[in-house]
PDB file of N, CA and C in Angstrom:
ATOM      1  N   GLU A   1      -7.197  -4.899   8.081  1.00  0.00           N
ATOM      2  CA  GLU A   1      -7.560  -4.667   9.328  1.00  0.00           C
ATOM      3  C   GLU A   1      -7.249  -3.337   9.849  1.00  0.00           C
ATOM      4  N   ASN A   2      -7.953  -3.012  10.699  1.00  0.00           N
ATOM      5  CA  ASN A   2      -8.151  -1.586  10.979  1.00  0.00           C
ATOM      6  C   ASN A   2      -6.953  -0.927  12.138  1.00  0.00           C
ATOM      7  N   ILE A   3      -6.271   0.016  11.607  1.00  0.00           N
ATOM      8  CA  ILE A   3      -5.141   0.494  12.543  1.00  0.00           C
ATOM      9  C   ILE A   3      -5.209   1.690  13.554  1.00  0.00           C
ATOM     10  N   ASP A   4      -5.016   2.208  14.013  1.00  0.00           N
ATOM     11  CA  ASP A   4      -5.100   3.529  14.435  1.00  0.00           C
ATOM     12  C   ASP A   4      -4.194   4.621  13.947  1.00  0.00           C
ATOM     13  N   SER A   5      -4.056   5.270  12.834  1.00  0.00           N
ATOM     14  CA  SER A   5      -3.396   5.903  11.995  1.00  0.00           C
ATOM     15  C   SER A   5      -3.866   6.728  11.429  1.00  0.00           C
ATOM     16  N   PRO A   6      -3.392   7.978  11.664  1.00  0.00           N
ATOM     17  CA  PRO A   6      -4.036   9.133  10.443  1.00  0.00           C
ATOM     18  C   PRO A   6      -3.836   8.854   9.143  1.00  0.00           C
ATOM     19  N   ARG A   7      -5.260   9.203   8.704  1.00  0.00           N
ATOM     20  CA  ARG A   7      -5.193   9.122   7.178  1.00  0.00           C
ATOM     21  C   ARG A   7      -3.834   9.362   6.045  1.00  0.00           C
ATOM     22  N   SER A   8      -3.884  10.755   6.197  1.00  0.00           N
ATOM     23  CA  SER A   8      -2.721  11.336   5.480  1.00  0.00           C
ATOM     24  C   SER A   8      -1.411  10.630   6.019  1.00  0.00           C
ATOM     25  N   PHE A   9      -1.381  10.309   7.095  1.00  0.00           N
ATOM     26  CA  PHE A   9       0.296   9.502   7.642  1.00  0.00           C
ATOM     27  C   PHE A   9       0.388   8.148   6.811  1.00  0.00           C
ATOM     28  N   THR A  10      -0.872   7.509   6.783  1.00  0.00           N
ATOM     29  CA  THR A  10      -0.632   6.356   6.363  1.00  0.00           C
ATOM     30  C   THR A  10      -0.897   6.456   4.723  1.00  0.00           C
ATOM     31  N   ALA A  11      -1.666   7.299   3.880  1.00  0.00           N
ATOM     32  CA  ALA A  11      -0.524   7.313   2.530  1.00  0.00           C
ATOM     33  C   ALA A  11      -0.027   7.581   2.253  1.00  0.00           C
ATOM     34  N   LYS A  12       0.686   8.541   2.923  1.00  0.00           N
ATOM     35  CA  LYS A  12       2.128   8.907   3.019  1.00  0.00           C
ATOM     36  C   LYS A  12       3.022   7.616   2.894  1.00  0.00           C
ATOM     37  N   ILE A  13       3.302   6.712   3.158  1.00  0.00           N
ATOM     38  CA  ILE A  13       3.793   5.951   4.135  1.00  0.00           C
ATOM     39  C   ILE A  13       3.478   4.405   2.449  1.00  0.00           C
ATOM     40  N   LEU A  14       2.084   4.675   2.531  1.00  0.00           N
ATOM     41  CA  LEU A  14       1.839   3.833   1.172  1.00  0.00           C
ATOM     42  C   LEU A  14       2.088   4.103   0.120  1.00  0.00           C
ATOM     43  N   GLN A  15       2.910   5.497  -0.652  1.00  0.00           N
ATOM     44  CA  GLN A  15       3.183   6.287  -1.135  1.00  0.00           C
ATOM     45  C   GLN A  15       4.574   6.341  -1.787  1.00  0.00           C
ATOM     46  N   ILE A  16       5.342   5.750  -0.269  1.00  0.00           N
ATOM     47  CA  ILE A  16       6.668   5.962  -0.630  1.00  0.00           C
ATOM     48  C   ILE A  16       6.717   3.693  -0.350  1.00  0.00           C
ATOM     49  N   LEU A  17       5.914   3.233   0.126  1.00  0.00           N
ATOM     50  CA  LEU A  17       6.168   1.921  -0.277  1.00  0.00           C
ATOM     51  C   LEU A  17       6.164   1.447  -1.951  1.00  0.00           C
ATOM     52  N   ALA A  18       4.529   2.703  -2.647  1.00  0.00           N
ATOM     53  CA  ALA A  18       4.723   2.354  -4.027  1.00  0.00           C
ATOM     54  C   ALA A  18       5.723   2.620  -5.134  1.00  0.00           C
ATOM     55  N   LYS A  19       6.671   3.785  -4.821  1.00  0.00           N
ATOM     56  CA  LYS A  19       7.875   4.086  -5.534  1.00  0.00           C
ATOM     57  C   LYS A  19       8.766   3.646  -5.101  1.00  0.00           C
ATOM     58  N   LYS A  20       8.405   2.744  -4.237  1.00  0.00           N
ATOM     59  CA  LYS A  20       9.788   2.073  -4.314  1.00  0.00           C
ATOM     60  C   LYS A  20       9.579   0.527  -4.863  1.00  0.00           C
ATOM     61  N   GLU A  21       8.127   0.409  -5.142  1.00  0.00           N
ATOM     62  CA  GLU A  21       7.794  -1.079  -6.207  1.00  0.00           C
ATOM     63  C   GLU A  21       7.546  -2.174  -4.844  1.00  0.00           C
ATOM     64  N   ILE A  22       7.372  -1.531  -3.161  1.00  0.00           N
ATOM     65  CA  ILE A  22       7.073  -3.175  -2.310  1.00  0.00           C
ATOM     66  C   ILE A  22       5.763  -3.007  -2.418  1.00  0.00           C
ATOM     67  N   VAL A  23       4.546  -2.281  -3.020  1.00  0.00           N
ATOM     68  CA  VAL A  23       3.625  -2.437  -3.265  1.00  0.00           C
ATOM     69  C   VAL A  23       2.977  -1.742  -4.192  1.00  0.00           C
ATOM     70  N   HIS A  24       2.079  -2.122  -4.950  1.00  0.00           N
ATOM     71  CA  HIS A  24       0.978  -2.154  -5.985  1.00  0.00           C
ATOM     72  C   HIS A  24       0.126  -1.229  -5.403  1.00  0.00           C
ATOM     73  N   SER A  25      -0.182   0.065  -6.341  1.00  0.00           N
ATOM     74  CA  SER A  25      -1.644   0.966  -6.229  1.00  0.00           C
ATOM     75  C   SER A  25      -2.199   0.154  -7.674  1.00  0.00           C
ATOM     76  N   ILE A  26      -3.702   0.595  -6.952  1.00  0.00           N
ATOM     77  CA  ILE A  26      -4.770  -0.447  -7.885  1.00  0.00           C
ATOM     78  C   ILE A  26      -5.757   1.175  -8.141  1.00  0.00           C
ATOM     79  N   LYS A  27      -5.515   2.082  -9.012  1.00  0.00           N
ATOM     80  CA  LYS A  27      -6.687   2.725  -9.004  1.00  0.00           C
ATOM     81  C   LYS A  27      -8.439   2.607  -9.872  1.00  0.00           C
ATOM     82  N   GLY A  28      -9.375   3.925  -9.291  1.00  0.00           N
ATOM     83  CA  GLY A  28     -10.356   3.724  -9.731  1.00  0.00           C
ATOM     84  C   GLY A  28     -11.511   3.071  -8.573  1.00  0.00           C
ATOM     85  N   ILE A  29     -12.191   2.670  -8.825  1.00  0.00           N
ATOM     86  CA  ILE A  29     -13.504   2.477  -7.588  1.00  0.00           C
ATOM     87  C   ILE A  29     -13.127   0.303  -7.147  1.00  0.00           C
ATOM     88  N   GLY A  30     -13.086   0.776  -5.833  1.00  0.00           N
ATOM     89  CA  GLY A  30     -12.593  -1.031  -5.775  1.00  0.00           C
ATOM     90  C   GLY A  30     -10.964  -0.825  -6.029  1.00  0.00           C
ATOM     91  N   GLY A  31     -10.198   0.201  -5.706  1.00  0.00           N
ATOM     92  CA  GLY A  31      -8.720  -0.034  -6.216  1.00  0.00           C
ATOM     93  C   GLY A  31      -8.194   0.250  -4.333  1.00  0.00           C
ATOM     94  N   GLY A  32      -6.687   0.153  -4.450  1.00  0.00           N
ATOM     95  CA  GLY A  32      -6.226  -0.140  -3.381  1.00  0.00           C
ATOM     96  C   GLY A  32      -4.643  -0.681  -3.028  1.00  0.00           C
ATOM     97  N   PHE A  33      -4.220  -0.839  -3.063  1.00  0.00           N
ATOM     98  CA  PHE A  33      -2.966  -1.611  -2.758  1.00  0.00           C
ATOM     99  C   PHE A  33      -2.746  -3.126  -2.407  1.00  0.00           C
ATOM    100  N   GLU A  34      -1.543  -3.332  -3.014  1.00  0.00           N
ATOM    101  CA  GLU A  34      -1.744  -5.195  -2.921  1.00  0.00           C
ATOM    102  C   GLU A  34      -0.384  -4.829  -2.737  1.00  0.00           C
ATOM    103  N   ILE A  35       0.344  -6.036  -2.261  1.00  0.00           N
ATOM    104  CA  ILE A  35       1.705  -6.628  -1.909  1.00  0.00           C
ATOM    105  C   ILE A  35       1.869  -8.055  -3.346  1.00  0.00           C
ATOM    106  N   PRO A  36       2.814  -7.307  -4.299  1.00  0.00           N
ATOM    107  CA  PRO A  36       3.197  -8.545  -5.145  1.00  0.00           C
ATOM    108  C   PRO A  36       3.548  -9.908  -4.321  1.00  0.00           C
ATOM    109  N   LYS A  37       3.523 -11.307  -5.172  1.00  0.00           N
ATOM    110  CA  LYS A  37       3.332 -12.083  -4.559  1.00  0.00           C
ATOM    111  C   LYS A  37       5.450 -11.897  -4.412  1.00  0.00           C
ATOM    112  N   GLU A  38       5.656 -11.790  -5.002  1.00  0.00           N
ATOM    113  CA  GLU A  38       7.039 -12.256  -5.104  1.00  0.00           C
ATOM    114  C   GLU A  38       7.965 -11.359  -4.010  1.00  0.00           C
ATOM    115  N   ASN A  39       7.032 -10.077  -3.458  1.00  0.00           N
ATOM    116  CA  ASN A  39       7.248  -9.578  -2.350  1.00  0.00           C
ATOM    117  C   ASN A  39       7.032 -10.056  -0.597  1.00  0.00           C
ATOM    118  N   ILE A  40       6.545 -10.687  -0.641  1.00  0.00           N
ATOM    119  CA  ILE A  40       6.736 -10.973   0.423  1.00  0.00           C
ATOM    120  C   ILE A  40       7.256 -12.635   0.714  1.00  0.00           C
ATOM    121  N   LYS A  41       7.455 -12.276   1.908  1.00  0.00           N
ATOM    122  CA  LYS A  41       8.627 -13.622   2.110  1.00  0.00           C
ATOM    123  C   LYS A  41       7.502 -14.231   2.808  1.00  0.00           C
ATOM    124  N   LYS A  42       8.083 -15.199   3.325  1.00  0.00           N
ATOM    125  CA  LYS A  42       7.844 -16.712   4.464  1.00  0.00           C
ATOM    126  C   LYS A  42       9.052 -16.893   5.074  1.00  0.00           C
TER     127      LYS A  42
END
């Protein structure tokens, strides 16, 4: 989903979430961020 947020701001937020192990970062081509299933509450 596209959000209207500066790229640097979004990167900082994702970096904080990765440090707290809320999201996992995936390096390399096709990399990105994912939320582990155990961190998703229904």
